[in-house]
Amino acid sequence: MKERLSEYRIMWVVVFFDLPVGTKKEIKAATQFRNSLLKLGFEMYQFSVYIRCCMSREIAETNIKSVRNIVPPKGKVSILQITDKQYSDILNLWGESEKTAPPQVYQYSLF
């Protein structure tokens, strides 16, 4: 029996990073890492924070493996998995006004 999509099954993968950019080589590595995250389907949430919505924990784990394969040799990269329900409780404070979370991502299944 196929499982329904639910806010407890849908996962968000959040990649946080702090990469050195003191030399041209480090700048190039950091830029390649950010561009690779975009190619993997992540969206920039903040300059060093990228997010991706995944329809299941298994898909999230596949994406995490992909990120592990592109991590530059220097710097710090952290990866967090949270459910869509947890993500919906996010509180964004941008400037002086409170903002709601970005709209939820829905993916339709044809089969």
PDB file of N, CA and C in Angstrom:
ATOM      1  N   MET A   1       0.836  -1.182   0.000  1.00  0.00           N
ATOM      2  CA  MET A   1       0.000   0.000   0.000  1.00  0.00           C
ATOM      3  C   MET A   1       0.879   1.243   0.000  1.00  0.00           C
ATOM      4  N   LYS A   2       0.589   2.171  -0.854  1.00  0.00           N
ATOM      5  CA  LYS A   2       1.388   3.386  -0.971  1.00  0.00           C
ATOM      6  C   LYS A   2       1.058   4.348   0.165  1.00  0.00           C
ATOM      7  N   GLU A   3       2.117   4.905   0.791  1.00  0.00           N
ATOM      8  CA  GLU A   3       1.912   5.848   1.878  1.00  0.00           C
ATOM      9  C   GLU A   3       1.499   7.208   1.347  1.00  0.00           C
ATOM     10  N   ARG A   4       0.611   7.858   2.052  1.00  0.00           N
ATOM     11  CA  ARG A   4       0.223   9.221   1.701  1.00  0.00           C
ATOM     12  C   ARG A   4       1.328  10.177   2.114  1.00  0.00           C
ATOM     13  N   LEU A   5       1.426  11.282   1.377  1.00  0.00           N
ATOM     14  CA  LEU A   5       2.358  12.315   1.785  1.00  0.00           C
ATOM     15  C   LEU A   5       1.810  12.971   3.042  1.00  0.00           C
ATOM     16  N   SER A   6       2.664  13.139   4.009  1.00  0.00           N
ATOM     17  CA  SER A   6       2.229  13.796   5.233  1.00  0.00           C
ATOM     18  C   SER A   6       3.337  14.702   5.726  1.00  0.00           C
ATOM     19  N   GLU A   7       2.974  15.612   6.604  1.00  0.00           N
ATOM     20  CA  GLU A   7       3.952  16.550   7.136  1.00  0.00           C
ATOM     21  C   GLU A   7       4.976  15.861   8.037  1.00  0.00           C
ATOM     22  N   TYR A   8       4.735  14.594   8.377  1.00  0.00           N
ATOM     23  CA  TYR A   8       5.691  13.843   9.172  1.00  0.00           C
ATOM     24  C   TYR A   8       6.601  12.976   8.307  1.00  0.00           C
ATOM     25  N   ARG A   9       6.195  12.722   7.072  1.00  0.00           N
ATOM     26  CA  ARG A   9       7.010  11.919   6.148  1.00  0.00           C
ATOM     27  C   ARG A   9       7.900  12.810   5.291  1.00  0.00           C
ATOM     28  N   ILE A  10       7.388  13.952   4.866  1.00  0.00           N
ATOM     29  CA  ILE A  10       8.175  14.883   4.050  1.00  0.00           C
ATOM     30  C   ILE A  10       9.300  15.437   4.909  1.00  0.00           C
ATOM     31  N   MET A  11      10.504  15.459   4.351  1.00  0.00           N
ATOM     32  CA  MET A  11      11.683  15.909   5.093  1.00  0.00           C
ATOM     33  C   MET A  11      12.291  17.137   4.439  1.00  0.00           C
ATOM     34  N   TRP A  12      12.877  17.974   5.234  1.00  0.00           N
ATOM     35  CA  TRP A  12      13.682  19.093   4.759  1.00  0.00           C
ATOM     36  C   TRP A  12      15.125  18.800   5.116  1.00  0.00           C
ATOM     37  N   VAL A  13      16.017  18.992   4.162  1.00  0.00           N
ATOM     38  CA  VAL A  13      17.451  18.854   4.403  1.00  0.00           C
ATOM     39  C   VAL A  13      18.028  20.266   4.393  1.00  0.00           C
ATOM     40  N   VAL A  14      18.700  20.617   5.471  1.00  0.00           N
ATOM     41  CA  VAL A  14      19.286  21.941   5.616  1.00  0.00           C
ATOM     42  C   VAL A  14      20.801  21.774   5.680  1.00  0.00           C
ATOM     43  N   VAL A  15      21.508  22.473   4.804  1.00  0.00           N
ATOM     44  CA  VAL A  15      22.975  22.421   4.769  1.00  0.00           C
ATOM     45  C   VAL A  15      23.488  23.784   5.220  1.00  0.00           C
ATOM     46  N   PHE A  16      24.271  23.773   6.317  1.00  0.00           N
ATOM     47  CA  PHE A  16      24.906  24.980   6.844  1.00  0.00           C
ATOM     48  C   PHE A  16      26.400  24.852   6.570  1.00  0.00           C
ATOM     49  N   PHE A  17      27.042  25.928   6.192  1.00  0.00           N
ATOM     50  CA  PHE A  17      28.480  25.802   5.989  1.00  0.00           C
ATOM     51  C   PHE A  17      29.207  27.106   6.245  1.00  0.00           C
ATOM     52  N   ASP A  18      30.461  26.945   6.612  1.00  0.00           N
ATOM     53  CA  ASP A  18      31.381  28.061   6.815  1.00  0.00           C
ATOM     54  C   ASP A  18      32.683  27.642   6.134  1.00  0.00           C
ATOM     55  N   LEU A  19      32.919  28.171   4.954  1.00  0.00           N
ATOM     56  CA  LEU A  19      34.072  27.771   4.163  1.00  0.00           C
ATOM     57  C   LEU A  19      35.072  28.914   4.081  1.00  0.00           C
ATOM     58  N   PRO A  20      36.371  28.585   4.136  1.00  0.00           N
ATOM     59  CA  PRO A  20      37.378  29.644   4.025  1.00  0.00           C
ATOM     60  C   PRO A  20      37.397  30.244   2.621  1.00  0.00           C
ATOM     61  N   VAL A  21      37.639  31.552   2.546  1.00  0.00           N
ATOM     62  CA  VAL A  21      37.719  32.241   1.256  1.00  0.00           C
ATOM     63  C   VAL A  21      38.893  33.220   1.250  1.00  0.00           C
ATOM     64  N   GLY A  22      40.003  32.791   1.843  1.00  0.00           N
ATOM     65  CA  GLY A  22      41.182  33.650   1.942  1.00  0.00           C
ATOM     66  C   GLY A  22      42.062  33.641   0.704  1.00  0.00           C
ATOM     67  N   THR A  23      42.005  32.561  -0.065  1.00  0.00           N
ATOM     68  CA  THR A  23      42.825  32.466  -1.275  1.00  0.00           C
ATOM     69  C   THR A  23      41.909  32.241  -2.475  1.00  0.00           C
ATOM     70  N   LYS A  24      42.471  32.423  -3.671  1.00  0.00           N
ATOM     71  CA  LYS A  24      41.679  32.195  -4.882  1.00  0.00           C
ATOM     72  C   LYS A  24      41.218  30.745  -4.963  1.00  0.00           C
ATOM     73  N   LYS A  25      42.060  29.825  -4.533  1.00  0.00           N
ATOM     74  CA  LYS A  25      41.707  28.404  -4.562  1.00  0.00           C
ATOM     75  C   LYS A  25      40.533  28.119  -3.621  1.00  0.00           C
ATOM     76  N   GLU A  26      40.551  28.745  -2.431  1.00  0.00           N
ATOM     77  CA  GLU A  26      39.458  28.551  -1.475  1.00  0.00           C
ATOM     78  C   GLU A  26      38.163  29.197  -1.979  1.00  0.00           C
ATOM     79  N   ILE A  27      38.272  30.361  -2.595  1.00  0.00           N
ATOM     80  CA  ILE A  27      37.090  31.019  -3.155  1.00  0.00           C
ATOM     81  C   ILE A  27      36.467  30.141  -4.234  1.00  0.00           C
ATOM     82  N   LYS A  28      37.322  29.571  -5.079  1.00  0.00           N
ATOM     83  CA  LYS A  28      36.837  28.703  -6.152  1.00  0.00           C
ATOM     84  C   LYS A  28      36.146  27.468  -5.571  1.00  0.00           C
ATOM     85  N   ALA A  29      36.739  26.863  -4.535  1.00  0.00           N
ATOM     86  CA  ALA A  29      36.146  25.675  -3.915  1.00  0.00           C
ATOM     87  C   ALA A  29      34.795  26.010  -3.279  1.00  0.00           C
ATOM     88  N   ALA A  30      34.703  27.159  -2.608  1.00  0.00           N
ATOM     89  CA  ALA A  30      33.444  27.561  -1.976  1.00  0.00           C
ATOM     90  C   ALA A  30      32.373  27.834  -3.030  1.00  0.00           C
ATOM     91  N   THR A  31      32.747  28.499  -4.105  1.00  0.00           N
ATOM     92  CA  THR A  31      31.808  28.785  -5.188  1.00  0.00           C
ATOM     93  C   THR A  31      31.328  27.498  -5.850  1.00  0.00           C
ATOM     94  N   GLN A  32      32.241  26.568  -6.089  1.00  0.00           N
ATOM     95  CA  GLN A  32      31.856  25.285  -6.681  1.00  0.00           C
ATOM     96  C   GLN A  32      30.902  24.518  -5.765  1.00  0.00           C
ATOM     97  N   PHE A  33      31.147  24.590  -4.465  1.00  0.00           N
ATOM     98  CA  PHE A  33      30.269  23.901  -3.514  1.00  0.00           C
ATOM     99  C   PHE A  33      28.863  24.490  -3.570  1.00  0.00           C
ATOM    100  N   ARG A  34      28.749  25.816  -3.530  1.00  0.00           N
ATOM    101  CA  ARG A  34      27.437  26.463  -3.599  1.00  0.00           C
ATOM    102  C   ARG A  34      26.733  26.136  -4.920  1.00  0.00           C
ATOM    103  N   ASN A  35      27.464  26.198  -6.024  1.00  0.00           N
ATOM    104  CA  ASN A  35      26.865  25.882  -7.328  1.00  0.00           C
ATOM    105  C   ASN A  35      26.431  24.419  -7.403  1.00  0.00           C
ATOM    106  N   SER A  36      27.203  23.535  -6.792  1.00  0.00           N
ATOM    107  CA  SER A  36      26.847  22.115  -6.777  1.00  0.00           C
ATOM    108  C   SER A  36      25.583  21.877  -5.967  1.00  0.00           C
ATOM    109  N   LEU A  37      25.427  22.605  -4.860  1.00  0.00           N
ATOM    110  CA  LEU A  37      24.198  22.489  -4.076  1.00  0.00           C
ATOM    111  C   LEU A  37      22.992  22.894  -4.916  1.00  0.00           C
ATOM    112  N   LEU A  38      23.137  23.969  -5.675  1.00  0.00           N
ATOM    113  CA  LEU A  38      22.041  24.409  -6.549  1.00  0.00           C
ATOM    114  C   LEU A  38      21.715  23.349  -7.597  1.00  0.00           C
ATOM    115  N   LYS A  39      22.754  22.727  -8.172  1.00  0.00           N
ATOM    116  CA  LYS A  39      22.532  21.675  -9.170  1.00  0.00           C
ATOM    117  C   LYS A  39      21.839  20.456  -8.567  1.00  0.00           C
ATOM    118  N   LEU A  40      22.062  20.223  -7.271  1.00  0.00           N
ATOM    119  CA  LEU A  40      21.412  19.104  -6.586  1.00  0.00           C
ATOM    120  C   LEU A  40      19.970  19.426  -6.205  1.00  0.00           C
ATOM    121  N   GLY A  41      19.522  20.648  -6.471  1.00  0.00           N
ATOM    122  CA  GLY A  41      18.146  21.011  -6.192  1.00  0.00           C
ATOM    123  C   GLY A  41      17.938  21.782  -4.904  1.00  0.00           C
ATOM    124  N   PHE A  42      19.008  22.177  -4.250  1.00  0.00           N
ATOM    125  CA  PHE A  42      18.890  22.972  -3.036  1.00  0.00           C
ATOM    126  C   PHE A  42      18.615  24.421  -3.412  1.00  0.00           C
ATOM    127  N   GLU A  43      17.981  25.150  -2.496  1.00  0.00           N
ATOM    128  CA  GLU A  43      17.723  26.574  -2.681  1.00  0.00           C
ATOM    129  C   GLU A  43      18.468  27.338  -1.596  1.00  0.00           C
ATOM    130  N   MET A  44      18.985  28.506  -1.958  1.00  0.00           N
ATOM    131  CA  MET A  44      19.676  29.313  -0.963  1.00  0.00           C
ATOM    132  C   MET A  44      18.647  29.939  -0.025  1.00  0.00           C
ATOM    133  N   TYR A  45      18.796  29.677   1.260  1.00  0.00           N
ATOM    134  CA  TYR A  45      17.923  30.251   2.276  1.00  0.00           C
ATOM    135  C   TYR A  45      18.589  31.502   2.859  1.00  0.00           C
ATOM    136  N   GLN A  46      19.875  31.373   3.146  1.00  0.00           N
ATOM    137  CA  GLN A  46      20.759  32.479   3.493  1.00  0.00           C
ATOM    138  C   GLN A  46      22.060  32.180   2.776  1.00  0.00           C
ATOM    139  N   PHE A  47      23.010  33.086   2.820  1.00  0.00           N
ATOM    140  CA  PHE A  47      24.211  32.895   2.014  1.00  0.00           C
ATOM    141  C   PHE A  47      24.911  31.563   2.290  1.00  0.00           C
ATOM    142  N   SER A  48      24.986  31.152   3.523  1.00  0.00           N
ATOM    143  CA  SER A  48      25.653  29.887   3.861  1.00  0.00           C
ATOM    144  C   SER A  48      24.682  28.836   4.383  1.00  0.00           C
ATOM    145  N   VAL A  49      23.406  28.963   4.026  1.00  0.00           N
ATOM    146  CA  VAL A  49      22.390  28.000   4.427  1.00  0.00           C
ATOM    147  C   VAL A  49      21.547  27.666   3.198  1.00  0.00           C
ATOM    148  N   TYR A  50      21.518  26.390   2.841  1.00  0.00           N
ATOM    149  CA  TYR A  50      20.747  25.927   1.684  1.00  0.00           C
ATOM    150  C   TYR A  50      19.762  24.877   2.159  1.00  0.00           C
ATOM    151  N   ILE A  51      18.579  24.844   1.535  1.00  0.00           N
ATOM    152  CA  ILE A  51      17.538  23.903   1.951  1.00  0.00           C
ATOM    153  C   ILE A  51      16.988  23.152   0.741  1.00  0.00           C
ATOM    154  N   ARG A  52      16.456  21.972   1.036  1.00  0.00           N
ATOM    155  CA  ARG A  52      15.790  21.186  -0.013  1.00  0.00           C
ATOM    156  C   ARG A  52      14.679  20.368   0.622  1.00  0.00           C
ATOM    157  N   CYS A  53      13.542  20.372  -0.024  1.00  0.00           N
ATOM    158  CA  CYS A  53      12.408  19.568   0.423  1.00  0.00           C
ATOM    159  C   CYS A  53      12.501  18.201  -0.247  1.00  0.00           C
ATOM    160  N   CYS A  54      12.325  17.143   0.544  1.00  0.00           N
ATOM    161  CA  CYS A  54      12.379  15.772   0.033  1.00  0.00           C
ATOM    162  C   CYS A  54      11.093  15.056   0.449  1.00  0.00           C
ATOM    163  N   MET A  55      10.543  14.273  -0.443  1.00  0.00           N
ATOM    164  CA  MET A  55       9.265  13.626  -0.193  1.00  0.00           C
ATOM    165  C   MET A  55       9.330  12.458   0.786  1.00  0.00           C
ATOM    166  N   SER A  56      10.541  12.005   1.154  1.00  0.00           N
ATOM    167  CA  SER A  56      10.666  10.912   2.113  1.00  0.00           C
ATOM    168  C   SER A  56      12.053  10.959   2.760  1.00  0.00           C
ATOM    169  N   ARG A  57      12.203  10.219   3.839  1.00  0.00           N
ATOM    170  CA  ARG A  57      13.493  10.126   4.530  1.00  0.00           C
ATOM    171  C   ARG A  57      14.546   9.471   3.617  1.00  0.00           C
ATOM    172  N   GLU A  58      14.112   8.504   2.816  1.00  0.00           N
ATOM    173  CA  GLU A  58      15.046   7.824   1.917  1.00  0.00           C
ATOM    174  C   GLU A  58      15.616   8.804   0.881  1.00  0.00           C
ATOM    175  N   ILE A  59      14.764   9.647   0.326  1.00  0.00           N
ATOM    176  CA  ILE A  59      15.235  10.647  -0.640  1.00  0.00           C
ATOM    177  C   ILE A  59      16.148  11.649   0.053  1.00  0.00           C
ATOM    178  N   ALA A  60      15.808  12.020   1.286  1.00  0.00           N
ATOM    179  CA  ALA A  60      16.655  12.938   2.052  1.00  0.00           C
ATOM    180  C   ALA A  60      18.041  12.334   2.262  1.00  0.00           C
ATOM    181  N   GLU A  61      18.091  11.053   2.610  1.00  0.00           N
ATOM    182  CA  GLU A  61      19.381  10.391   2.836  1.00  0.00           C
ATOM    183  C   GLU A  61      20.205  10.326   1.548  1.00  0.00           C
ATOM    184  N   THR A  62      19.551  10.125   0.416  1.00  0.00           N
ATOM    185  CA  THR A  62      20.251  10.135  -0.875  1.00  0.00           C
ATOM    186  C   THR A  62      20.863  11.508  -1.139  1.00  0.00           C
ATOM    187  N   ASN A  63      20.104  12.556  -0.843  1.00  0.00           N
ATOM    188  CA  ASN A  63      20.615  13.910  -1.026  1.00  0.00           C
ATOM    189  C   ASN A  63      21.777  14.207  -0.080  1.00  0.00           C
ATOM    190  N   ILE A  64      21.697  13.704   1.125  1.00  0.00           N
ATOM    191  CA  ILE A  64      22.783  13.901   2.089  1.00  0.00           C
ATOM    192  C   ILE A  64      24.059  13.231   1.592  1.00  0.00           C
ATOM    193  N   LYS A  65      23.928  12.034   1.040  1.00  0.00           N
ATOM    194  CA  LYS A  65      25.101  11.351   0.475  1.00  0.00           C
ATOM    195  C   LYS A  65      25.710  12.171  -0.657  1.00  0.00           C
ATOM    196  N   SER A  66      24.860  12.771  -1.484  1.00  0.00           N
ATOM    197  CA  SER A  66      25.353  13.601  -2.581  1.00  0.00           C
ATOM    198  C   SER A  66      26.110  14.810  -2.052  1.00  0.00           C
ATOM    199  N   VAL A  67      25.598  15.431  -0.993  1.00  0.00           N
ATOM    200  CA  VAL A  67      26.286  16.585  -0.410  1.00  0.00           C
ATOM    201  C   VAL A  67      27.626  16.154   0.174  1.00  0.00           C
ATOM    202  N   ARG A  68      27.650  15.012   0.842  1.00  0.00           N
ATOM    203  CA  ARG A  68      28.917  14.516   1.431  1.00  0.00           C
ATOM    204  C   ARG A  68      29.997  14.350   0.361  1.00  0.00           C
ATOM    205  N   ASN A  69      29.582  14.007  -0.853  1.00  0.00           N
ATOM    206  CA  ASN A  69      30.544  13.787  -1.935  1.00  0.00           C
ATOM    207  C   ASN A  69      31.118  15.078  -2.513  1.00  0.00           C
ATOM    208  N   ILE A  70      30.510  16.226  -2.228  1.00  0.00           N
ATOM    209  CA  ILE A  70      30.979  17.483  -2.820  1.00  0.00           C
ATOM    210  C   ILE A  70      31.575  18.446  -1.793  1.00  0.00           C
ATOM    211  N   VAL A  71      31.694  18.022  -0.537  1.00  0.00           N
ATOM    212  CA  VAL A  71      32.224  18.898   0.510  1.00  0.00           C
ATOM    213  C   VAL A  71      33.682  19.241   0.208  1.00  0.00           C
ATOM    214  N   PRO A  72      34.027  20.540   0.238  1.00  0.00           N
ATOM    215  CA  PRO A  72      35.418  20.954   0.000  1.00  0.00           C
ATOM    216  C   PRO A  72      36.346  20.418   1.090  1.00  0.00           C
ATOM    217  N   PRO A  73      37.647  20.360   0.801  1.00  0.00           N
ATOM    218  CA  PRO A  73      38.586  19.801   1.773  1.00  0.00           C
ATOM    219  C   PRO A  73      38.732  20.633   3.047  1.00  0.00           C
ATOM    220  N   LYS A  74      38.463  21.932   2.972  1.00  0.00           N
ATOM    221  CA  LYS A  74      38.585  22.796   4.156  1.00  0.00           C
ATOM    222  C   LYS A  74      37.230  23.410   4.479  1.00  0.00           C
ATOM    223  N   GLY A  75      37.053  23.750   5.742  1.00  0.00           N
ATOM    224  CA  GLY A  75      35.820  24.409   6.152  1.00  0.00           C
ATOM    225  C   GLY A  75      34.927  23.482   6.953  1.00  0.00           C
ATOM    226  N   LYS A  76      33.780  24.014   7.328  1.00  0.00           N
ATOM    227  CA  LYS A  76      32.817  23.275   8.149  1.00  0.00           C
ATOM    228  C   LYS A  76      31.485  23.190   7.406  1.00  0.00           C
ATOM    229  N   VAL A  77      30.939  21.987   7.340  1.00  0.00           N
ATOM    230  CA  VAL A  77      29.630  21.762   6.715  1.00  0.00           C
ATOM    231  C   VAL A  77      28.800  20.930   7.680  1.00  0.00           C
ATOM    232  N   SER A  78      27.594  21.374   7.968  1.00  0.00           N
ATOM    233  CA  SER A  78      26.670  20.635   8.825  1.00  0.00           C
ATOM    234  C   SER A  78      25.392  20.387   8.043  1.00  0.00           C
ATOM    235  N   ILE A  79      24.781  19.234   8.288  1.00  0.00           N
ATOM    236  CA  ILE A  79      23.547  18.865   7.598  1.00  0.00           C
ATOM    237  C   ILE A  79      22.514  18.487   8.649  1.00  0.00           C
ATOM    238  N   LEU A  80      21.332  19.060   8.510  1.00  0.00           N
ATOM    239  CA  LEU A  80      20.233  18.816   9.443  1.00  0.00           C
ATOM    240  C   LEU A  80      19.029  18.308   8.660  1.00  0.00           C
ATOM    241  N   GLN A  81      18.370  17.275   9.191  1.00  0.00           N
ATOM    242  CA  GLN A  81      17.122  16.773   8.607  1.00  0.00           C
ATOM    243  C   GLN A  81      15.992  17.090   9.584  1.00  0.00           C
ATOM    244  N   ILE A  82      14.925  17.670   9.072  1.00  0.00           N
ATOM    245  CA  ILE A  82      13.752  17.902   9.911  1.00  0.00           C
ATOM    246  C   ILE A  82      12.504  17.563   9.104  1.00  0.00           C
ATOM    247  N   THR A  83      11.437  17.245   9.804  1.00  0.00           N
ATOM    248  CA  THR A  83      10.187  16.945   9.117  1.00  0.00           C
ATOM    249  C   THR A  83       9.538  18.239   8.645  1.00  0.00           C
ATOM    250  N   ASP A  84       8.611  18.101   7.722  1.00  0.00           N
ATOM    251  CA  ASP A  84       7.883  19.264   7.235  1.00  0.00           C
ATOM    252  C   ASP A  84       7.088  19.909   8.371  1.00  0.00           C
ATOM    253  N   LYS A  85       6.595  19.098   9.294  1.00  0.00           N
ATOM    254  CA  LYS A  85       5.858  19.612  10.449  1.00  0.00           C
ATOM    255  C   LYS A  85       6.772  20.493  11.299  1.00  0.00           C
ATOM    256  N   GLN A  86       7.986  20.044  11.553  1.00  0.00           N
ATOM    257  CA  GLN A  86       8.937  20.841  12.325  1.00  0.00           C
ATOM    258  C   GLN A  86       9.295  22.122  11.582  1.00  0.00           C
ATOM    259  N   TYR A  87       9.499  22.008  10.271  1.00  0.00           N
ATOM    260  CA  TYR A  87       9.864  23.166   9.465  1.00  0.00           C
ATOM    261  C   TYR A  87       8.743  24.210   9.446  1.00  0.00           C
ATOM    262  N   SER A  88       7.509  23.755   9.519  1.00  0.00           N
ATOM    263  CA  SER A  88       6.382  24.691   9.468  1.00  0.00           C
ATOM    264  C   SER A  88       6.334  25.595  10.697  1.00  0.00           C
ATOM    265  N   ASP A  89       7.034  25.236  11.760  1.00  0.00           N
ATOM    266  CA  ASP A  89       7.065  26.050  12.979  1.00  0.00           C
ATOM    267  C   ASP A  89       8.174  27.101  12.971  1.00  0.00           C
ATOM    268  N   ILE A  90       8.873  27.232  11.850  1.00  0.00           N
ATOM    269  CA  ILE A  90       9.986  28.174  11.788  1.00  0.00           C
ATOM    270  C   ILE A  90       9.485  29.611  11.965  1.00  0.00           C
ATOM    271  N   LEU A  91      10.272  30.402  12.652  1.00  0.00           N
ATOM    272  CA  LEU A  91       9.962  31.815  12.842  1.00  0.00           C
ATOM    273  C   LEU A  91      11.103  32.609  12.224  1.00  0.00           C
ATOM    274  N   ASN A  92      10.802  33.382  11.205  1.00  0.00           N
ATOM    275  CA  ASN A  92      11.808  34.195  10.530  1.00  0.00           C
ATOM    276  C   ASN A  92      11.663  35.641  10.965  1.00  0.00           C
ATOM    277  N   LEU A  93      12.748  36.229  11.395  1.00  0.00           N
ATOM    278  CA  LEU A  93      12.772  37.641  11.761  1.00  0.00           C
ATOM    279  C   LEU A  93      13.708  38.337  10.796  1.00  0.00           C
ATOM    280  N   TRP A  94      13.150  39.006   9.818  1.00  0.00           N
ATOM    281  CA  TRP A  94      13.930  39.690   8.788  1.00  0.00           C
ATOM    282  C   TRP A  94      13.757  41.180   8.986  1.00  0.00           C
ATOM    283  N   GLY A  95      14.837  41.824   9.373  1.00  0.00           N
ATOM    284  CA  GLY A  95      14.734  43.243   9.679  1.00  0.00           C
ATOM    285  C   GLY A  95      13.911  43.410  10.934  1.00  0.00           C
ATOM    286  N   GLU A  96      12.934  44.277  10.885  1.00  0.00           N
ATOM    287  CA  GLU A  96      12.104  44.535  12.047  1.00  0.00           C
ATOM    288  C   GLU A  96      10.759  43.836  11.987  1.00  0.00           C
ATOM    289  N   SER A  97      10.497  43.123  10.892  1.00  0.00           N
ATOM    290  CA  SER A  97       9.182  42.496  10.773  1.00  0.00           C
ATOM    291  C   SER A  97       9.299  40.979  10.815  1.00  0.00           C
ATOM    292  N   GLU A  98       8.270  40.356  11.318  1.00  0.00           N
ATOM    293  CA  GLU A  98       8.204  38.905  11.396  1.00  0.00           C
ATOM    294  C   GLU A  98       7.623  38.379  10.094  1.00  0.00           C
ATOM    295  N   LYS A  99       8.234  37.344   9.531  1.00  0.00           N
ATOM    296  CA  LYS A  99       7.776  36.762   8.269  1.00  0.00           C
ATOM    297  C   LYS A  99       7.361  35.319   8.509  1.00  0.00           C
ATOM    298  N   THR A 100       6.464  34.834   7.701  1.00  0.00           N
ATOM    299  CA  THR A 100       6.057  33.437   7.788  1.00  0.00           C
ATOM    300  C   THR A 100       7.022  32.584   6.978  1.00  0.00           C
ATOM    301  N   ALA A 101       6.955  31.291   7.171  1.00  0.00           N
ATOM    302  CA  ALA A 101       7.806  30.352   6.437  1.00  0.00           C
ATOM    303  C   ALA A 101       7.471  30.406   4.955  1.00  0.00           C
ATOM    304  N   PRO A 102       8.443  30.059   4.098  1.00  0.00           N
ATOM    305  CA  PRO A 102       8.148  30.002   2.665  1.00  0.00           C
ATOM    306  C   PRO A 102       7.013  29.016   2.398  1.00  0.00           C
ATOM    307  N   PRO A 103       6.302  29.161   1.286  1.00  0.00           N
ATOM    308  CA  PRO A 103       5.186  28.254   1.005  1.00  0.00           C
ATOM    309  C   PRO A 103       5.656  26.803   0.932  1.00  0.00           C
ATOM    310  N   GLN A 104       4.780  25.905   1.360  1.00  0.00           N
ATOM    311  CA  GLN A 104       5.114  24.489   1.337  1.00  0.00           C
ATOM    312  C   GLN A 104       5.245  24.004  -0.098  1.00  0.00           C
ATOM    313  N   VAL A 105       6.131  23.043  -0.276  1.00  0.00           N
ATOM    314  CA  VAL A 105       6.351  22.463  -1.591  1.00  0.00           C
ATOM    315  C   VAL A 105       5.529  21.188  -1.690  1.00  0.00           C
ATOM    316  N   TYR A 106       4.745  21.088  -2.726  1.00  0.00           N
ATOM    317  CA  TYR A 106       3.956  19.886  -2.959  1.00  0.00           C
ATOM    318  C   TYR A 106       4.396  19.256  -4.267  1.00  0.00           C
ATOM    319  N   GLN A 107       4.522  17.949  -4.237  1.00  0.00           N
ATOM    320  CA  GLN A 107       4.888  17.228  -5.452  1.00  0.00           C
ATOM    321  C   GLN A 107       3.769  16.231  -5.737  1.00  0.00           C
ATOM    322  N   TYR A 108       3.287  16.266  -6.923  1.00  0.00           N
ATOM    323  CA  TYR A 108       2.210  15.356  -7.293  1.00  0.00           C
ATOM    324  C   TYR A 108       2.799  14.068  -7.859  1.00  0.00           C
ATOM    325  N   SER A 109       2.208  12.972  -7.466  1.00  0.00           N
ATOM    326  CA  SER A 109       2.647  11.661  -7.915  1.00  0.00           C
ATOM    327  C   SER A 109       1.661  11.158  -8.973  1.00  0.00           C
ATOM    328  N   LEU A 110       2.176  10.753 -10.119  1.00  0.00           N
ATOM    329  CA  LEU A 110       1.310  10.272 -11.179  1.00  0.00           C
ATOM    330  C   LEU A 110       1.081   8.760 -11.079  1.00  0.00           C
ATOM    331  N   PHE A 111       1.945   8.057 -10.371  1.00  0.00           N
ATOM    332  CA  PHE A 111       1.821   6.610 -10.281  1.00  0.00           C
ATOM    333  C   PHE A 111       1.770   6.141  -8.854  1.00  0.00           C
TER     334      PHE A 111
END
